[in-house]
């Protein structure tokens, strides 16, 4: 009987442990103080459109309290909205956001958290996205990164684009990488084939590692916000 109780207890603990990451994923992998869902922002009553998504991002940035940060681009995909936030003072990308269909705004997973040397999980500066980062898609092994700032980056935007283009020849034959956006520690590129957006990939500015954004779905539309 004693052994049976120990087995039951062990099973219960295992279920509890397994439930933790599932619950965390359901909440956007965001704990207290991690993202913006806990700053008075409520989810929309129904699916949001692209203009509503922009307004939600602006509200989120206002609650963050840094007037230098502005949304400069939004792309709608079948799975939600992708938003680039840049620094007005430098024109460098600060970070990337996702707006879910229900209006929930949170940091994009992947390079945005793990390669961002100023605003991401690996950054020692403002740490806007501090906490456990979400992982997704193929990526180069993480390693210690040099201090944040464009002067410290080892790759130019064109060198990074060439790295993505080399990867595309095998991953998406016939696709071409667009101009791309520089962020602290990495670059992000849209890529097209026959004039249509197929997807998005990032390049580590120090290792040339490629990270394909697997979570967006099918492209719908995009808007420049500046």
C-alpha atoms as a PDB file:
ATOM      1  CA  UNK A   1       0.000   0.000   0.000  1.00  0.00           C
ATOM      2  CA  UNK A   2       2.855   2.390   0.861  1.00  0.00           C
ATOM      3  CA  UNK A   3       4.541   1.756  -2.479  1.00  0.00           C
ATOM      4  CA  UNK A   4       1.242   2.327  -4.269  1.00  0.00           C
ATOM      5  CA  UNK A   5       0.831   5.719  -2.570  1.00  0.00           C
ATOM      6  CA  UNK A   6       4.344   6.688  -3.587  1.00  0.00           C
ATOM      7  CA  UNK A   7       3.615   5.754  -7.214  1.00  0.00           C
ATOM      8  CA  UNK A   8       0.381   7.784  -7.213  1.00  0.00           C
ATOM      9  CA  UNK A   9       2.192  10.760  -5.660  1.00  0.00           C
ATOM     10  CA  UNK A  10       4.945  10.480  -8.265  1.00  0.00           C
ATOM     11  CA  UNK A  11       2.415  10.455 -11.123  1.00  0.00           C
ATOM     12  CA  UNK A  12       0.621  13.488  -9.671  1.00  0.00           C
ATOM     13  CA  UNK A  13       3.858  15.436  -9.414  1.00  0.00           C
ATOM     14  CA  UNK A  14       4.809  14.529 -12.985  1.00  0.00           C
ATOM     15  CA  UNK A  15       1.435  15.760 -14.267  1.00  0.00           C
ATOM     16  CA  UNK A  16       1.849  19.014 -12.330  1.00  0.00           C
ATOM     17  CA  UNK A  17       5.320  19.587 -13.763  1.00  0.00           C
ATOM     18  CA  UNK A  18       4.152  18.888 -17.305  1.00  0.00           C
ATOM     19  CA  UNK A  19       1.223  21.272 -16.855  1.00  0.00           C
ATOM     20  CA  UNK A  20       3.481  24.242 -16.092  1.00  0.00           C
ATOM     21  CA  UNK A  21       4.898  24.767 -19.611  1.00  0.00           C
ATOM     22  CA  UNK A  22       1.462  24.158 -21.134  1.00  0.00           C
ATOM     23  CA  UNK A  23      -0.063  26.872 -18.939  1.00  0.00           C
ATOM     24  CA  UNK A  24       2.834  29.181 -19.664  1.00  0.00           C
ATOM     25  CA  UNK A  25       2.402  28.686 -23.407  1.00  0.00           C
ATOM     26  CA  UNK A  26      -1.303  29.423 -23.143  1.00  0.00           C
ATOM     27  CA  UNK A  27      -0.442  32.750 -21.510  1.00  0.00           C
ATOM     28  CA  UNK A  28       2.062  33.680 -24.210  1.00  0.00           C
ATOM     29  CA  UNK A  29       5.036  32.494 -22.128  1.00  0.00           C
ATOM     30  CA  UNK A  30       4.791  35.685 -20.101  1.00  0.00           C
ATOM     31  CA  UNK A  31       5.129  35.715 -16.352  1.00  0.00           C
ATOM     32  CA  UNK A  32       4.504  38.677 -13.999  1.00  0.00           C
ATOM     33  CA  UNK A  33       6.366  41.769 -15.152  1.00  0.00           C
ATOM     34  CA  UNK A  34       7.388  40.081 -18.382  1.00  0.00           C
ATOM     35  CA  UNK A  35       5.171  41.461 -21.103  1.00  0.00           C
ATOM     36  CA  UNK A  36       2.375  43.928 -21.505  1.00  0.00           C
ATOM     37  CA  UNK A  37      -0.747  41.838 -20.941  1.00  0.00           C
ATOM     38  CA  UNK A  38      -0.745  42.874 -17.292  1.00  0.00           C
ATOM     39  CA  UNK A  39      -0.663  46.661 -17.747  1.00  0.00           C
ATOM     40  CA  UNK A  40      -4.390  47.193 -17.798  1.00  0.00           C
ATOM     41  CA  UNK A  41      -4.785  46.008 -21.383  1.00  0.00           C
ATOM     42  CA  UNK A  42      -7.823  43.818 -21.954  1.00  0.00           C
ATOM     43  CA  UNK A  43      -8.435  41.391 -24.755  1.00  0.00           C
ATOM     44  CA  UNK A  44     -10.828  42.433 -27.491  1.00  0.00           C
ATOM     45  CA  UNK A  45     -14.359  41.029 -27.607  1.00  0.00           C
ATOM     46  CA  UNK A  46     -13.710  39.605 -31.071  1.00  0.00           C
ATOM     47  CA  UNK A  47     -10.937  39.261 -33.641  1.00  0.00           C
ATOM     48  CA  UNK A  48      -9.072  42.537 -34.191  1.00  0.00           C
ATOM     49  CA  UNK A  49      -8.293  44.027 -37.589  1.00  0.00           C
ATOM     50  CA  UNK A  50      -4.986  45.556 -38.690  1.00  0.00           C
ATOM     51  CA  UNK A  51      -5.850  49.107 -37.602  1.00  0.00           C
ATOM     52  CA  UNK A  52      -7.029  47.942 -34.187  1.00  0.00           C
ATOM     53  CA  UNK A  53      -3.811  45.965 -33.816  1.00  0.00           C
ATOM     54  CA  UNK A  54      -1.784  49.134 -34.460  1.00  0.00           C
ATOM     55  CA  UNK A  55      -3.768  51.017 -31.822  1.00  0.00           C
ATOM     56  CA  UNK A  56      -3.221  48.231 -29.303  1.00  0.00           C
ATOM     57  CA  UNK A  57       0.532  48.353 -29.924  1.00  0.00           C
ATOM     58  CA  UNK A  58       0.578  52.119 -29.438  1.00  0.00           C
ATOM     59  CA  UNK A  59      -1.313  51.720 -26.175  1.00  0.00           C
ATOM     60  CA  UNK A  60       1.163  49.079 -25.055  1.00  0.00           C
ATOM     61  CA  UNK A  61       4.124  51.306 -25.916  1.00  0.00           C
ATOM     62  CA  UNK A  62       2.536  54.207 -24.033  1.00  0.00           C
ATOM     63  CA  UNK A  63       2.276  52.012 -20.938  1.00  0.00           C
ATOM     64  CA  UNK A  64       5.943  51.045 -21.379  1.00  0.00           C
ATOM     65  CA  UNK A  65       6.814  54.727 -21.144  1.00  0.00           C
ATOM     66  CA  UNK A  66       9.668  55.209 -23.615  1.00  0.00           C
ATOM     67  CA  UNK A  67       8.739  58.005 -26.082  1.00  0.00           C
ATOM     68  CA  UNK A  68      11.643  57.032 -28.360  1.00  0.00           C
ATOM     69  CA  UNK A  69       9.884  53.811 -29.378  1.00  0.00           C
ATOM     70  CA  UNK A  70       7.394  53.840 -32.259  1.00  0.00           C
ATOM     71  CA  UNK A  71       5.750  51.162 -34.434  1.00  0.00           C
ATOM     72  CA  UNK A  72       7.010  51.514 -38.016  1.00  0.00           C
ATOM     73  CA  UNK A  73       5.557  48.495 -39.798  1.00  0.00           C
ATOM     74  CA  UNK A  74       2.773  45.970 -39.333  1.00  0.00           C
ATOM     75  CA  UNK A  75       2.186  42.763 -41.281  1.00  0.00           C
ATOM     76  CA  UNK A  76      -0.950  40.670 -41.068  1.00  0.00           C
ATOM     77  CA  UNK A  77      -0.632  36.903 -41.315  1.00  0.00           C
ATOM     78  CA  UNK A  78      -3.207  34.159 -40.942  1.00  0.00           C
ATOM     79  CA  UNK A  79      -2.046  33.555 -37.367  1.00  0.00           C
ATOM     80  CA  UNK A  80      -1.992  37.198 -36.244  1.00  0.00           C
ATOM     81  CA  UNK A  81      -0.067  40.435 -36.652  1.00  0.00           C
ATOM     82  CA  UNK A  82       3.661  41.145 -36.652  1.00  0.00           C
ATOM     83  CA  UNK A  83       4.861  44.647 -35.684  1.00  0.00           C
ATOM     84  CA  UNK A  84       8.295  46.271 -35.909  1.00  0.00           C
ATOM     85  CA  UNK A  85       9.040  48.819 -33.181  1.00  0.00           C
ATOM     86  CA  UNK A  86      11.992  51.122 -33.839  1.00  0.00           C
ATOM     87  CA  UNK A  87      13.874  53.870 -32.032  1.00  0.00           C
ATOM     88  CA  UNK A  88      13.015  57.296 -33.446  1.00  0.00           C
ATOM     89  CA  UNK A  89      16.438  58.635 -32.500  1.00  0.00           C
ATOM     90  CA  UNK A  90      18.504  55.958 -34.265  1.00  0.00           C
ATOM     91  CA  UNK A  91      16.079  54.409 -36.815  1.00  0.00           C
ATOM     92  CA  UNK A  92      17.318  51.017 -35.565  1.00  0.00           C
ATOM     93  CA  UNK A  93      14.764  48.315 -34.841  1.00  0.00           C
ATOM     94  CA  UNK A  94      14.197  48.021 -31.106  1.00  0.00           C
ATOM     95  CA  UNK A  95      12.089  44.870 -30.985  1.00  0.00           C
ATOM     96  CA  UNK A  96       9.350  42.876 -32.703  1.00  0.00           C
ATOM     97  CA  UNK A  97       5.849  42.309 -31.369  1.00  0.00           C
ATOM     98  CA  UNK A  98       3.006  39.898 -32.010  1.00  0.00           C
ATOM     99  CA  UNK A  99      -0.639  40.913 -31.722  1.00  0.00           C
ATOM    100  CA  UNK A 100      -2.847  37.869 -31.374  1.00  0.00           C
ATOM    101  CA  UNK A 101      -6.250  37.728 -33.037  1.00  0.00           C
ATOM    102  CA  UNK A 102      -7.847  38.406 -29.646  1.00  0.00           C
ATOM    103  CA  UNK A 103      -5.818  41.617 -29.254  1.00  0.00           C
ATOM    104  CA  UNK A 104      -3.174  40.325 -26.840  1.00  0.00           C
ATOM    105  CA  UNK A 105       0.175  42.075 -27.429  1.00  0.00           C
ATOM    106  CA  UNK A 106       3.425  40.302 -26.557  1.00  0.00           C
ATOM    107  CA  UNK A 107       7.082  40.095 -27.647  1.00  0.00           C
ATOM    108  CA  UNK A 108       7.764  37.925 -30.677  1.00  0.00           C
ATOM    109  CA  UNK A 109       9.545  34.663 -29.869  1.00  0.00           C
ATOM    110  CA  UNK A 110      12.899  33.626 -31.260  1.00  0.00           C
ATOM    111  CA  UNK A 111      15.617  36.143 -32.233  1.00  0.00           C
ATOM    112  CA  UNK A 112      13.656  39.052 -30.779  1.00  0.00           C
ATOM    113  CA  UNK A 113      14.174  37.565 -27.328  1.00  0.00           C
ATOM    114  CA  UNK A 114      17.317  35.491 -27.642  1.00  0.00           C
ATOM    115  CA  UNK A 115      19.495  37.582 -29.991  1.00  0.00           C
ATOM    116  CA  UNK A 116      18.381  41.114 -29.110  1.00  0.00           C
ATOM    117  CA  UNK A 117      21.374  42.575 -27.249  1.00  0.00           C
ATOM    118  CA  UNK A 118      19.575  45.678 -25.982  1.00  0.00           C
ATOM    119  CA  UNK A 119      15.910  44.857 -25.412  1.00  0.00           C
ATOM    120  CA  UNK A 120      15.817  41.060 -25.347  1.00  0.00           C
ATOM    121  CA  UNK A 121      16.439  38.248 -22.880  1.00  0.00           C
ATOM    122  CA  UNK A 122      20.152  38.242 -23.773  1.00  0.00           C
ATOM    123  CA  UNK A 123      20.484  42.017 -23.480  1.00  0.00           C
ATOM    124  CA  UNK A 124      22.028  43.574 -20.406  1.00  0.00           C
ATOM    125  CA  UNK A 125      20.545  47.003 -21.061  1.00  0.00           C
ATOM    126  CA  UNK A 126      16.910  47.957 -20.717  1.00  0.00           C
ATOM    127  CA  UNK A 127      15.739  44.360 -20.516  1.00  0.00           C
ATOM    128  CA  UNK A 128      12.214  45.120 -21.694  1.00  0.00           C
ATOM    129  CA  UNK A 129      11.662  41.435 -22.388  1.00  0.00           C
ATOM    130  CA  UNK A 130      13.487  39.972 -19.411  1.00  0.00           C
ATOM    131  CA  UNK A 131      12.431  36.514 -18.325  1.00  0.00           C
ATOM    132  CA  UNK A 132      12.322  33.130 -19.981  1.00  0.00           C
ATOM    133  CA  UNK A 133      12.365  33.531 -23.761  1.00  0.00           C
ATOM    134  CA  UNK A 134      10.219  31.499 -26.123  1.00  0.00           C
ATOM    135  CA  UNK A 135      11.992  29.268 -28.590  1.00  0.00           C
ATOM    136  CA  UNK A 136      10.749  28.294 -32.026  1.00  0.00           C
ATOM    137  CA  UNK A 137      12.117  27.428 -35.430  1.00  0.00           C
ATOM    138  CA  UNK A 138      15.650  26.429 -36.391  1.00  0.00           C
ATOM    139  CA  UNK A 139      18.353  28.563 -34.824  1.00  0.00           C
ATOM    140  CA  UNK A 140      22.077  28.623 -34.350  1.00  0.00           C
ATOM    141  CA  UNK A 141      23.277  27.715 -30.825  1.00  0.00           C
ATOM    142  CA  UNK A 142      23.111  30.714 -28.514  1.00  0.00           C
ATOM    143  CA  UNK A 143      26.417  32.177 -27.386  1.00  0.00           C
ATOM    144  CA  UNK A 144      27.694  35.206 -25.517  1.00  0.00           C
ATOM    145  CA  UNK A 145      27.132  38.334 -27.567  1.00  0.00           C
ATOM    146  CA  UNK A 146      29.223  41.537 -27.684  1.00  0.00           C
ATOM    147  CA  UNK A 147      27.799  44.760 -26.183  1.00  0.00           C
ATOM    148  CA  UNK A 148      24.724  46.205 -27.874  1.00  0.00           C
ATOM    149  CA  UNK A 149      25.007  48.822 -30.572  1.00  0.00           C
ATOM    150  CA  UNK A 150      25.389  48.983 -34.353  1.00  0.00           C
ATOM    151  CA  UNK A 151      29.145  49.619 -34.123  1.00  0.00           C
ATOM    152  CA  UNK A 152      29.642  46.249 -32.425  1.00  0.00           C
ATOM    153  CA  UNK A 153      27.858  44.259 -35.115  1.00  0.00           C
ATOM    154  CA  UNK A 154      30.163  42.162 -37.243  1.00  0.00           C
ATOM    155  CA  UNK A 155      27.865  41.885 -40.270  1.00  0.00           C
ATOM    156  CA  UNK A 156      26.519  44.633 -42.476  1.00  0.00           C
ATOM    157  CA  UNK A 157      22.910  44.457 -43.553  1.00  0.00           C
ATOM    158  CA  UNK A 158      23.975  43.363 -47.030  1.00  0.00           C
ATOM    159  CA  UNK A 159      26.198  40.602 -45.651  1.00  0.00           C
ATOM    160  CA  UNK A 160      23.306  39.380 -43.532  1.00  0.00           C
ATOM    161  CA  UNK A 161      20.981  39.503 -46.546  1.00  0.00           C
ATOM    162  CA  UNK A 162      23.441  37.399 -48.533  1.00  0.00           C
ATOM    163  CA  UNK A 163      23.470  34.831 -45.722  1.00  0.00           C
ATOM    164  CA  UNK A 164      19.676  34.631 -45.829  1.00  0.00           C
ATOM    165  CA  UNK A 165      19.727  34.394 -49.608  1.00  0.00           C
ATOM    166  CA  UNK A 166      22.130  31.447 -49.466  1.00  0.00           C
ATOM    167  CA  UNK A 167      19.799  29.706 -47.015  1.00  0.00           C
ATOM    168  CA  UNK A 168      16.776  30.462 -49.209  1.00  0.00           C
ATOM    169  CA  UNK A 169      18.282  28.689 -52.220  1.00  0.00           C
ATOM    170  CA  UNK A 170      17.797  25.413 -50.375  1.00  0.00           C
ATOM    171  CA  UNK A 171      14.900  26.167 -48.017  1.00  0.00           C
ATOM    172  CA  UNK A 172      12.706  28.150 -50.443  1.00  0.00           C
ATOM    173  CA  UNK A 173      14.105  27.847 -54.006  1.00  0.00           C
ATOM    174  CA  UNK A 174      13.329  30.902 -56.097  1.00  0.00           C
ATOM    175  CA  UNK A 175      12.663  33.174 -53.115  1.00  0.00           C
ATOM    176  CA  UNK A 176      14.430  36.515 -52.749  1.00  0.00           C
ATOM    177  CA  UNK A 177      15.273  38.312 -49.508  1.00  0.00           C
ATOM    178  CA  UNK A 178      14.043  41.891 -49.175  1.00  0.00           C
ATOM    179  CA  UNK A 179      16.086  44.828 -47.844  1.00  0.00           C
ATOM    180  CA  UNK A 180      15.684  43.809 -44.205  1.00  0.00           C
ATOM    181  CA  UNK A 181      15.597  45.611 -40.865  1.00  0.00           C
ATOM    182  CA  UNK A 182      18.551  45.994 -38.490  1.00  0.00           C
ATOM    183  CA  UNK A 183      17.987  45.235 -34.818  1.00  0.00           C
ATOM    184  CA  UNK A 184      20.448  45.163 -31.934  1.00  0.00           C
ATOM    185  CA  UNK A 185      22.359  41.937 -32.507  1.00  0.00           C
ATOM    186  CA  UNK A 186      20.533  40.667 -35.570  1.00  0.00           C
ATOM    187  CA  UNK A 187      18.671  41.473 -38.789  1.00  0.00           C
ATOM    188  CA  UNK A 188      15.194  40.388 -39.908  1.00  0.00           C
ATOM    189  CA  UNK A 189      14.267  39.871 -43.565  1.00  0.00           C
ATOM    190  CA  UNK A 190      11.008  39.240 -45.373  1.00  0.00           C
ATOM    191  CA  UNK A 191      11.380  37.026 -48.416  1.00  0.00           C
ATOM    192  CA  UNK A 192       9.232  36.774 -51.523  1.00  0.00           C
ATOM    193  CA  UNK A 193       8.709  34.517 -54.508  1.00  0.00           C
ATOM    194  CA  UNK A 194       6.886  35.744 -57.616  1.00  0.00           C
ATOM    195  CA  UNK A 195       6.176  39.008 -55.803  1.00  0.00           C
ATOM    196  CA  UNK A 196       4.388  37.333 -52.881  1.00  0.00           C
ATOM    197  CA  UNK A 197       5.602  37.294 -49.270  1.00  0.00           C
ATOM    198  CA  UNK A 198       6.436  33.725 -48.259  1.00  0.00           C
ATOM    199  CA  UNK A 199       7.860  34.292 -44.828  1.00  0.00           C
ATOM    200  CA  UNK A 200      10.461  35.858 -42.611  1.00  0.00           C
ATOM    201  CA  UNK A 201      13.907  34.947 -41.310  1.00  0.00           C
ATOM    202  CA  UNK A 202      16.486  36.553 -39.025  1.00  0.00           C
ATOM    203  CA  UNK A 203      20.281  36.498 -39.127  1.00  0.00           C
ATOM    204  CA  UNK A 204      22.500  36.696 -36.062  1.00  0.00           C
ATOM    205  CA  UNK A 205      24.867  39.643 -36.615  1.00  0.00           C
ATOM    206  CA  UNK A 206      27.741  37.817 -34.930  1.00  0.00           C
ATOM    207  CA  UNK A 207      27.378  34.149 -35.891  1.00  0.00           C
ATOM    208  CA  UNK A 208      25.443  34.329 -39.209  1.00  0.00           C
ATOM    209  CA  UNK A 209      22.960  31.906 -37.663  1.00  0.00           C
ATOM    210  CA  UNK A 210      19.601  31.770 -39.487  1.00  0.00           C
ATOM    211  CA  UNK A 211      16.305  31.622 -37.587  1.00  0.00           C
ATOM    212  CA  UNK A 212      13.179  31.020 -39.681  1.00  0.00           C
ATOM    213  CA  UNK A 213       9.975  32.491 -38.198  1.00  0.00           C
ATOM    214  CA  UNK A 214       7.698  29.463 -38.279  1.00  0.00           C
ATOM    215  CA  UNK A 215       4.783  30.936 -36.329  1.00  0.00           C
ATOM    216  CA  UNK A 216       3.245  33.546 -38.672  1.00  0.00           C
ATOM    217  CA  UNK A 217       1.233  31.500 -41.143  1.00  0.00           C
ATOM    218  CA  UNK A 218       0.166  32.816 -44.543  1.00  0.00           C
ATOM    219  CA  UNK A 219       0.780  36.466 -45.435  1.00  0.00           C
ATOM    220  CA  UNK A 220      -2.318  38.678 -45.805  1.00  0.00           C
ATOM    221  CA  UNK A 221      -1.281  42.344 -45.997  1.00  0.00           C
ATOM    222  CA  UNK A 222       1.143  44.939 -44.628  1.00  0.00           C
ATOM    223  CA  UNK A 223       1.263  48.646 -43.788  1.00  0.00           C
ATOM    224  CA  UNK A 224       4.073  51.121 -43.268  1.00  0.00           C
ATOM    225  CA  UNK A 225       3.330  53.260 -40.230  1.00  0.00           C
ATOM    226  CA  UNK A 226       5.782  56.090 -40.885  1.00  0.00           C
END
